Protein backbone atom coordinates (compact mmCIF):
# COMPACT_ATOMS: atom_id res chain seq x y z
CA MET A 1 -40.29 -32.72 43.50
CA MET A 2 -39.55 -33.81 39.95
CA PRO A 3 -40.00 -37.59 39.41
CA MET A 4 -36.87 -39.55 38.50
CA ALA A 5 -38.23 -40.21 35.00
CA GLY A 6 -38.48 -36.46 34.44
CA ARG A 7 -34.92 -35.96 35.70
CA ILE A 8 -33.61 -38.63 33.36
CA ALA A 9 -35.39 -36.97 30.42
CA ALA A 10 -33.84 -33.65 31.45
CA ALA A 11 -30.42 -35.34 31.62
CA LEU A 12 -30.85 -36.55 28.02
CA ALA A 13 -31.68 -32.98 27.01
CA GLY A 14 -28.51 -31.93 28.83
CA VAL A 15 -26.46 -34.34 26.72
CA LEU A 16 -27.89 -32.72 23.58
CA LEU A 17 -27.01 -29.23 24.87
CA VAL A 18 -23.41 -30.25 25.61
CA LEU A 19 -23.09 -31.87 22.17
CA TRP A 20 -24.55 -28.75 20.55
CA ALA A 21 -21.94 -26.59 22.24
CA TRP A 22 -19.13 -28.97 21.19
CA VAL A 23 -20.32 -29.08 17.57
CA SER A 24 -20.39 -25.28 17.42
CA VAL A 25 -16.93 -24.97 19.01
CA THR A 26 -15.45 -27.56 16.67
CA GLY A 27 -16.95 -26.03 13.54
CA THR A 28 -15.94 -22.49 14.48
CA LEU A 29 -12.46 -22.99 15.92
CA ILE A 30 -11.08 -26.27 14.60
CA VAL A 31 -12.50 -27.17 11.18
CA SER A 32 -10.37 -25.50 8.49
CA ARG A 33 -13.23 -24.26 6.34
CA SER A 34 -16.31 -22.09 6.63
CA VAL A 35 -18.71 -23.92 8.99
CA VAL A 36 -21.24 -21.42 10.32
CA GLY A 37 -23.86 -23.12 12.46
CA ARG A 38 -27.09 -21.66 13.74
CA LEU A 39 -25.63 -20.96 17.17
CA THR A 40 -22.77 -18.76 15.97
CA ARG A 41 -25.04 -17.12 13.39
CA TRP A 42 -27.52 -16.20 16.14
CA VAL A 43 -24.71 -14.79 18.26
CA ASP A 44 -23.37 -12.74 15.35
CA LEU A 45 -26.84 -11.46 14.51
CA THR A 46 -27.53 -10.45 18.11
CA VAL A 47 -24.25 -8.56 18.47
CA ASN A 48 -24.61 -6.89 15.06
CA VAL A 49 -28.15 -5.72 15.80
CA THR A 50 -27.00 -4.38 19.18
CA PHE A 51 -24.21 -2.32 17.60
CA ARG A 52 -26.52 -1.15 14.83
CA LEU A 53 -28.94 0.20 17.42
CA ALA A 54 -26.09 1.75 19.41
CA THR A 55 -24.83 3.69 16.36
CA ARG A 56 -28.08 4.55 14.61
CA ARG A 57 -28.11 8.12 16.00
CA LEU A 58 -24.45 8.79 15.19
CA LYS A 59 -24.40 10.67 11.89
CA ASP A 60 -20.66 11.37 11.93
CA TYR A 61 -18.86 8.40 10.42
CA ARG A 62 -15.74 8.73 12.56
CA LYS A 63 -17.82 8.53 15.74
CA ARG A 64 -19.58 5.42 14.43
CA ASP A 65 -16.24 3.89 13.57
CA ARG A 66 -14.98 4.35 17.14
CA VAL A 67 -17.99 2.46 18.47
CA LEU A 68 -17.87 -0.25 15.80
CA ALA A 69 -14.19 -0.89 16.55
CA ALA A 70 -15.35 -3.01 19.51
CA GLN A 71 -17.80 -5.06 17.45
CA ALA A 72 -15.44 -7.90 16.52
CA ALA A 73 -14.23 -8.25 20.12
CA ALA A 74 -17.84 -8.32 21.31
CA ILE A 75 -18.63 -11.14 18.87
CA LEU A 76 -15.69 -13.22 20.13
CA LEU A 77 -16.64 -12.69 23.78
CA ALA A 78 -20.31 -13.41 23.06
CA GLN A 79 -19.39 -16.66 21.30
CA LEU A 80 -17.28 -17.79 24.26
CA ALA A 81 -20.00 -16.86 26.76
CA THR A 82 -22.68 -18.63 24.73
CA TRP A 83 -20.69 -21.87 24.50
CA LEU A 84 -19.97 -21.85 28.21
CA VAL A 85 -23.56 -21.06 29.18
CA ILE A 86 -25.03 -23.77 26.97
CA ALA A 87 -22.53 -26.34 28.23
CA PHE A 88 -23.19 -25.21 31.80
CA LEU A 89 -26.95 -25.67 31.39
CA GLY A 90 -26.33 -29.08 29.84
CA TYR A 91 -24.19 -30.26 32.74
CA THR A 92 -26.71 -28.87 35.23
CA LEU A 93 -29.36 -31.13 33.70
CA LEU A 94 -26.90 -34.04 33.63
CA PHE A 95 -26.22 -33.69 37.36
CA TRP A 96 -29.91 -33.37 38.23
CA PRO A 97 -30.66 -37.12 38.59
CA PHE A 98 -27.75 -37.39 41.08
CA ALA A 99 -28.32 -34.13 42.97
CA ALA A 100 -29.05 -34.55 46.68
CA HIS A 101 -30.95 -31.28 47.05
CA GLY A 102 -32.69 -30.81 43.72
CA LEU A 103 -31.91 -28.51 40.81
CA GLY A 104 -30.02 -25.97 42.95
CA SER A 105 -27.57 -28.64 44.01
CA ALA A 106 -27.13 -29.72 40.36
CA PHE A 107 -26.43 -26.10 39.45
CA ALA A 108 -23.65 -25.89 42.05
CA ASP A 109 -22.18 -29.25 40.94
CA ALA A 110 -22.08 -28.10 37.29
CA GLY A 111 -20.37 -24.82 38.17
CA SER A 112 -17.85 -26.54 40.42
CA SER A 113 -16.91 -29.06 37.73
CA MET A 114 -16.87 -26.83 34.62
CA PHE A 115 -14.80 -24.08 36.23
CA THR A 116 -12.66 -26.59 38.20
CA LEU A 117 -13.49 -24.97 41.55
CA GLY A 118 -13.97 -28.26 43.40
CA PHE A 119 -16.26 -26.96 46.15
CA SER A 120 -19.14 -29.31 45.26
CA GLU A 121 -18.99 -32.89 44.01
CA PRO A 122 -21.72 -35.53 44.19
CA ALA A 123 -20.82 -39.01 45.34
CA GLY A 124 -20.78 -41.98 42.99
CA THR A 125 -19.02 -43.26 39.89
CA ALA A 126 -21.41 -41.79 37.30
CA PRO A 127 -21.30 -38.27 38.81
CA ALA A 128 -17.50 -38.47 38.93
CA VAL A 129 -17.42 -39.17 35.19
CA ILE A 130 -19.67 -36.16 34.58
CA VAL A 131 -17.39 -34.02 36.79
CA PHE A 132 -14.34 -34.96 34.72
CA ALA A 133 -16.21 -34.33 31.45
CA GLY A 134 -17.44 -30.94 32.69
CA ALA A 135 -13.94 -29.89 33.77
CA ALA A 136 -12.51 -30.90 30.41
CA THR A 137 -15.28 -29.04 28.56
CA GLY A 138 -14.74 -25.76 30.38
CA LEU A 139 -10.95 -25.86 30.09
CA VAL A 140 -10.87 -26.90 26.43
CA ILE A 141 -13.41 -24.28 25.28
CA VAL A 142 -11.50 -21.46 26.98
CA ALA A 143 -8.12 -22.78 25.78
CA LEU A 144 -9.32 -23.09 22.18
CA GLN A 145 -10.66 -19.54 22.20
CA ILE A 146 -7.36 -18.24 23.61
CA GLY A 147 -5.39 -20.17 21.00
CA TYR A 148 -7.74 -18.83 18.33
CA LEU A 149 -6.79 -15.17 18.96
CA PRO A 150 -3.16 -15.27 17.65
CA THR A 151 -4.43 -16.79 14.41
CA LEU A 152 -6.98 -14.01 14.04
CA TYR A 153 -4.50 -11.22 14.68
CA SER A 154 -1.89 -12.76 12.43
CA ALA A 155 -4.38 -12.77 9.53
CA PHE A 156 -5.46 -9.24 10.47
CA ASN A 157 -1.87 -7.94 10.39
CA ARG A 158 -1.21 -9.54 6.98
CA ARG A 159 -4.38 -7.95 5.64
CA GLU A 160 -3.73 -4.48 7.02
CA THR A 161 -0.12 -4.27 5.79
CA GLU A 162 -1.20 -4.14 2.15
CA VAL A 163 -4.16 -1.89 2.96
CA ALA A 164 -1.87 0.63 4.65
CA LEU A 165 0.56 0.56 1.72
CA LEU A 166 -2.30 1.20 -0.69
CA ASN A 167 -3.51 4.26 1.24
CA ALA A 168 -0.54 6.31 0.05
CA ARG A 169 -1.23 5.37 -3.57
CA ALA A 170 -5.04 5.42 -3.76
CA GLY A 171 -5.99 8.00 -1.14
CA VAL A 172 -8.01 7.57 2.06
CA PRO A 173 -10.65 6.28 1.58
CA SER A 174 -9.36 4.37 -1.43
CA TRP A 175 -10.77 4.92 -4.92
CA GLY A 176 -9.80 3.07 -8.09
CA PRO A 177 -9.43 6.07 -10.46
CA GLU A 178 -7.40 7.87 -7.80
CA LEU A 179 -5.02 4.91 -7.65
CA LEU A 180 -4.38 5.08 -11.40
CA ALA A 181 -4.10 8.88 -11.43
CA ARG A 182 -1.62 9.04 -8.55
CA THR A 183 0.48 6.17 -9.89
CA HIS A 184 0.81 7.90 -13.24
CA TYR A 185 1.39 11.32 -11.65
CA ALA A 186 4.12 9.87 -9.37
CA LEU A 187 4.09 12.75 -6.87
CA GLY A 188 4.59 15.25 -9.66
CA SER A 189 8.00 13.86 -10.55
CA GLY A 190 7.23 13.90 -14.27
CA MET A 191 8.01 10.18 -14.53
CA SER A 192 5.02 7.84 -14.70
CA THR A 193 5.24 4.80 -12.41
CA LEU A 194 2.58 2.76 -14.16
CA ASP A 195 5.28 0.13 -14.65
CA THR A 196 4.81 -0.74 -10.94
CA MET A 197 1.20 -1.80 -11.49
CA PRO A 198 2.02 -5.42 -12.51
CA ASP A 199 3.72 -5.98 -9.17
CA LEU A 200 0.84 -4.32 -7.30
CA TYR A 201 -1.76 -6.48 -9.08
CA ALA A 202 0.25 -9.63 -8.37
CA ARG A 203 0.48 -8.76 -4.65
CA TRP A 204 -3.24 -8.08 -4.44
CA GLU A 205 -4.07 -11.31 -6.26
CA ARG A 206 -2.21 -13.18 -3.51
CA TRP A 207 -3.73 -10.89 -0.85
CA ALA A 208 -7.25 -11.63 -2.10
CA SER A 209 -6.60 -15.37 -1.92
CA ASP A 210 -5.31 -15.04 1.65
CA VAL A 211 -8.30 -12.95 2.73
CA ALA A 212 -10.77 -15.30 1.06
CA GLU A 213 -9.37 -18.27 2.97
CA SER A 214 -8.92 -16.58 6.36
CA HIS A 215 -12.11 -14.50 6.43
CA THR A 216 -14.40 -17.35 5.42
CA THR A 217 -12.79 -19.74 7.89
CA TYR A 218 -12.73 -17.18 10.73
CA LEU A 219 -15.75 -15.00 9.96
CA PRO A 220 -15.27 -12.44 12.80
CA LEU A 221 -12.22 -11.19 10.84
CA VAL A 222 -14.64 -9.53 8.42
CA ARG A 223 -15.58 -7.03 11.15
CA PHE A 224 -12.04 -6.30 12.37
CA ARG A 225 -11.68 -2.63 11.47
CA SER A 226 -8.54 -0.86 10.25
CA PRO A 227 -6.63 1.37 12.70
CA ARG A 228 -7.49 4.45 10.61
CA PRO A 229 -11.20 5.38 10.56
CA LEU A 230 -11.37 6.00 6.79
CA SER A 231 -9.36 2.91 5.87
CA SER A 232 -10.97 -0.45 5.16
CA TRP A 233 -10.04 -3.73 3.51
CA VAL A 234 -13.37 -3.66 1.63
CA THR A 235 -12.86 -0.28 -0.03
CA ALA A 236 -9.18 -1.05 -0.61
CA LEU A 237 -9.87 -4.23 -2.55
CA LEU A 238 -12.71 -2.52 -4.41
CA ALA A 239 -10.34 0.29 -5.44
CA VAL A 240 -7.75 -2.17 -6.75
CA LEU A 241 -10.35 -4.07 -8.77
CA ASP A 242 -11.83 -0.87 -10.20
CA SER A 243 -8.36 0.34 -11.17
CA ALA A 244 -7.66 -2.93 -12.99
CA ALA A 245 -11.01 -2.79 -14.80
CA LEU A 246 -10.49 0.85 -15.80
CA PHE A 247 -6.94 0.19 -16.97
CA LEU A 248 -8.10 -2.73 -19.11
CA VAL A 249 -10.97 -0.89 -20.82
CA LEU A 250 -9.39 2.55 -21.26
CA SER A 251 -5.75 1.70 -22.07
CA PRO A 252 -5.61 -1.79 -23.61
CA LYS A 253 -2.11 -1.22 -25.03
CA ALA A 254 -0.48 0.09 -21.85
CA VAL A 255 -2.20 -2.19 -19.34
CA PRO A 256 -0.37 -5.22 -17.86
CA GLU A 257 -3.18 -7.42 -19.11
CA ILE A 258 -2.41 -10.77 -17.48
CA PRO A 259 -1.67 -9.42 -13.96
CA ALA A 260 -4.76 -7.18 -14.14
CA ARG A 261 -7.03 -10.02 -15.23
CA LEU A 262 -5.65 -12.38 -12.57
CA CYS A 263 -6.11 -9.73 -9.91
CA LEU A 264 -9.71 -9.19 -10.99
CA ARG A 265 -10.38 -12.92 -10.92
CA GLY A 266 -8.89 -13.31 -7.44
CA GLY A 267 -10.63 -10.17 -6.19
CA PHE A 268 -14.17 -10.96 -7.20
CA ASP A 269 -13.71 -14.55 -6.02
CA CYS A 270 -12.71 -13.14 -2.63
CA PHE A 271 -15.70 -10.79 -2.43
CA ASN A 272 -18.16 -13.47 -3.49
CA ARG A 273 -16.85 -16.11 -1.07
CA VAL A 274 -16.85 -13.74 1.89
CA ALA A 275 -20.34 -12.45 1.04
CA GLN A 276 -21.69 -16.00 0.78
CA ALA A 277 -20.08 -16.93 4.11
CA MET A 278 -21.87 -13.92 5.64
CA GLY A 279 -25.19 -15.28 4.38
CA PHE A 280 -25.76 -13.13 1.28
CA GLU A 281 -27.31 -14.81 -1.76
CA LEU A 282 -25.46 -14.02 -4.97
CA PRO A 283 -25.98 -15.14 -8.57
CA GLY A 284 -23.56 -17.80 -9.77
CA GLU A 285 -22.54 -16.13 -13.04
CA PRO A 286 -23.80 -12.52 -13.27
CA HIS A 287 -24.46 -11.39 -16.84
CA PRO A 288 -23.42 -7.92 -18.04
CA GLU A 289 -26.99 -7.31 -19.21
CA THR A 290 -28.10 -7.19 -15.56
CA GLY A 291 -26.15 -3.94 -15.26
CA ILE A 292 -24.42 -2.29 -12.32
CA SER A 293 -25.39 0.37 -9.81
CA LEU A 294 -22.55 2.68 -10.82
CA THR A 295 -23.77 5.23 -13.39
CA TYR A 296 -22.17 6.33 -16.62
CA GLU A 297 -21.91 9.88 -15.24
CA GLU A 298 -19.81 8.59 -12.32
CA PHE A 299 -17.66 6.72 -14.81
CA LEU A 300 -17.09 9.95 -16.75
CA GLU A 301 -16.06 11.71 -13.51
CA ALA A 302 -13.36 9.07 -13.09
CA VAL A 303 -12.18 9.63 -16.67
CA THR A 304 -12.00 13.36 -15.99
CA ARG A 305 -9.88 12.76 -12.89
CA MET A 306 -7.48 10.59 -14.89
CA ARG A 307 -7.23 13.16 -17.68
CA GLU A 308 -6.22 15.81 -15.13
CA VAL A 309 -2.87 14.03 -14.83
CA ASP A 310 -2.63 13.15 -18.55
CA PHE A 311 -3.26 9.46 -18.00
CA PRO A 312 -2.74 7.59 -21.33
CA ILE A 313 -6.39 6.97 -22.25
CA GLU A 314 -6.59 5.17 -25.60
CA ARG A 315 -10.32 4.49 -26.03
CA ASP A 316 -13.43 6.60 -26.14
CA PRO A 317 -15.20 6.43 -22.73
CA ALA A 318 -18.56 5.62 -24.34
CA GLU A 319 -17.02 2.59 -26.02
CA ALA A 320 -15.11 1.51 -22.90
CA TRP A 321 -18.15 1.81 -20.62
CA LEU A 322 -19.79 -1.43 -21.77
CA ASP A 323 -16.59 -3.39 -21.19
CA PHE A 324 -16.22 -1.80 -17.75
CA VAL A 325 -19.76 -2.92 -16.87
CA GLY A 326 -18.79 -6.43 -17.96
CA TRP A 327 -15.94 -6.46 -15.45
CA ARG A 328 -17.65 -4.71 -12.53
CA VAL A 329 -20.81 -6.81 -12.62
CA ASN A 330 -18.70 -9.70 -11.29
CA TYR A 331 -17.92 -8.07 -7.94
CA GLU A 332 -20.08 -4.99 -7.40
CA ARG A 333 -23.04 -6.69 -5.71
CA ALA A 334 -20.90 -8.69 -3.28
CA ALA A 335 -18.67 -5.70 -2.49
CA TYR A 336 -21.65 -3.43 -1.82
CA ALA A 337 -23.29 -6.03 0.43
CA ILE A 338 -20.15 -6.45 2.55
CA ALA A 339 -19.50 -2.70 2.70
CA ALA A 340 -23.05 -2.04 3.93
CA ALA A 341 -22.93 -4.89 6.47
CA VAL A 342 -19.67 -3.75 8.10
CA ASP A 343 -20.39 -0.02 7.62
CA ALA A 344 -17.18 0.51 5.66
CA PRO A 345 -16.02 4.10 4.99
CA PRO A 346 -18.33 5.77 2.43
CA ALA A 347 -15.72 5.91 -0.30
CA PRO A 348 -16.66 6.81 -3.88
CA TRP A 349 -17.99 3.86 -5.87
CA SER A 350 -18.53 1.75 -2.73
CA GLY A 351 -22.32 1.65 -2.71
CA PRO A 352 -25.00 2.76 -0.23
CA ARG A 353 -24.89 2.24 3.53
CA GLN A 354 -27.61 1.28 5.98
CA ARG A 355 -27.56 4.90 7.18
CA ALA A 356 -27.61 7.80 4.76
CA THR A 357 -23.98 8.93 4.72
CA ALA A 358 -22.36 11.45 2.40
CA VAL A 359 -19.60 10.10 0.19
CA ILE A 360 -16.14 11.04 1.48
CA PRO A 361 -13.69 11.71 -1.38
CA PRO A 362 -10.08 10.56 -0.99
CA THR A 363 -7.84 13.05 0.76
CA ARG A 364 -5.16 14.54 -1.44
CA PRO A 365 -1.92 16.00 -0.11
CA GLY A 366 -1.22 19.67 -0.66
CA LEU A 367 1.39 20.91 -3.08
CA GLY A 368 3.76 21.69 -0.24
CA ARG A 369 6.78 23.97 -0.53
CA MET A 370 8.82 23.73 -3.68
CA PRO A 371 12.62 23.42 -3.20
CA LYS A 372 14.68 26.47 -4.12
């Protein structure tokens, strides 16, 4: 038999457990900014490691993507279960000093109160207060998580609308040079549609701001995967930023300079904020002298692709390369870290993955049948 002093000490520990659960719930679901406590970080890490182990033998990316599609849902369910279990343990310890038949009786009282079953209730004023608090805790945690889901899916739908629209312009998976080449080629119509790029950059500037706010406040959104296996918000934003940087350094007279620069600013701010919310350490102001992982040979391959459709290149690639490095150094490290963490599609220029995966070039439609 545990002495009463020991039960009271356990009850104080129970209060701390209940408070810990409430602090985590409040920071995750209510506070309108990124508040990632140790509890939710441990849950995320556990789920992520589990899915990493489950997919480590899957070499085919599409098969991995099918498994990883459940990762975000698993994180949400694990968070809910963790909050309920910790609160349940806390209330079990709180009921212990009043339990008639020891810890087993306290366990039954906690379950009856938290899940509002009503089959077990200790007598007395103090236990009645704990019963009411336990019932409110269980109901509020579940209700908050249910109310949290529409917000998540609303942000997900806003994000994926622009990603889906970009797929037709930049290929799947998306690639910045492909976006510029296809926009200029305009489906072989003979009329360049580069005049639509200012509107596209303005939309993606706003999109990046929306994603930065929603994905840092509700971090599980980062791991919500696109409906198509080779589509991803990470590679889509990276393609838009690369297209803006290429346009600026290769065609300074034709580029919509202000929209492109604003899009780049919003884009690398989005990548950096999301990466920091995920726990990655990034330099405050990266200097161009630190360099980038992308090589000059890969840059020349992009120039070759653009020249295939007679893109209006105005500068020598060797001269433009240094300016391109100056732009890309602002977002490459954060983008590569996020892409590796979520196992984004291995698009060109999207960095290495945790598993060796061959780069998948963007799919290009066939020529089709010419009209008579």
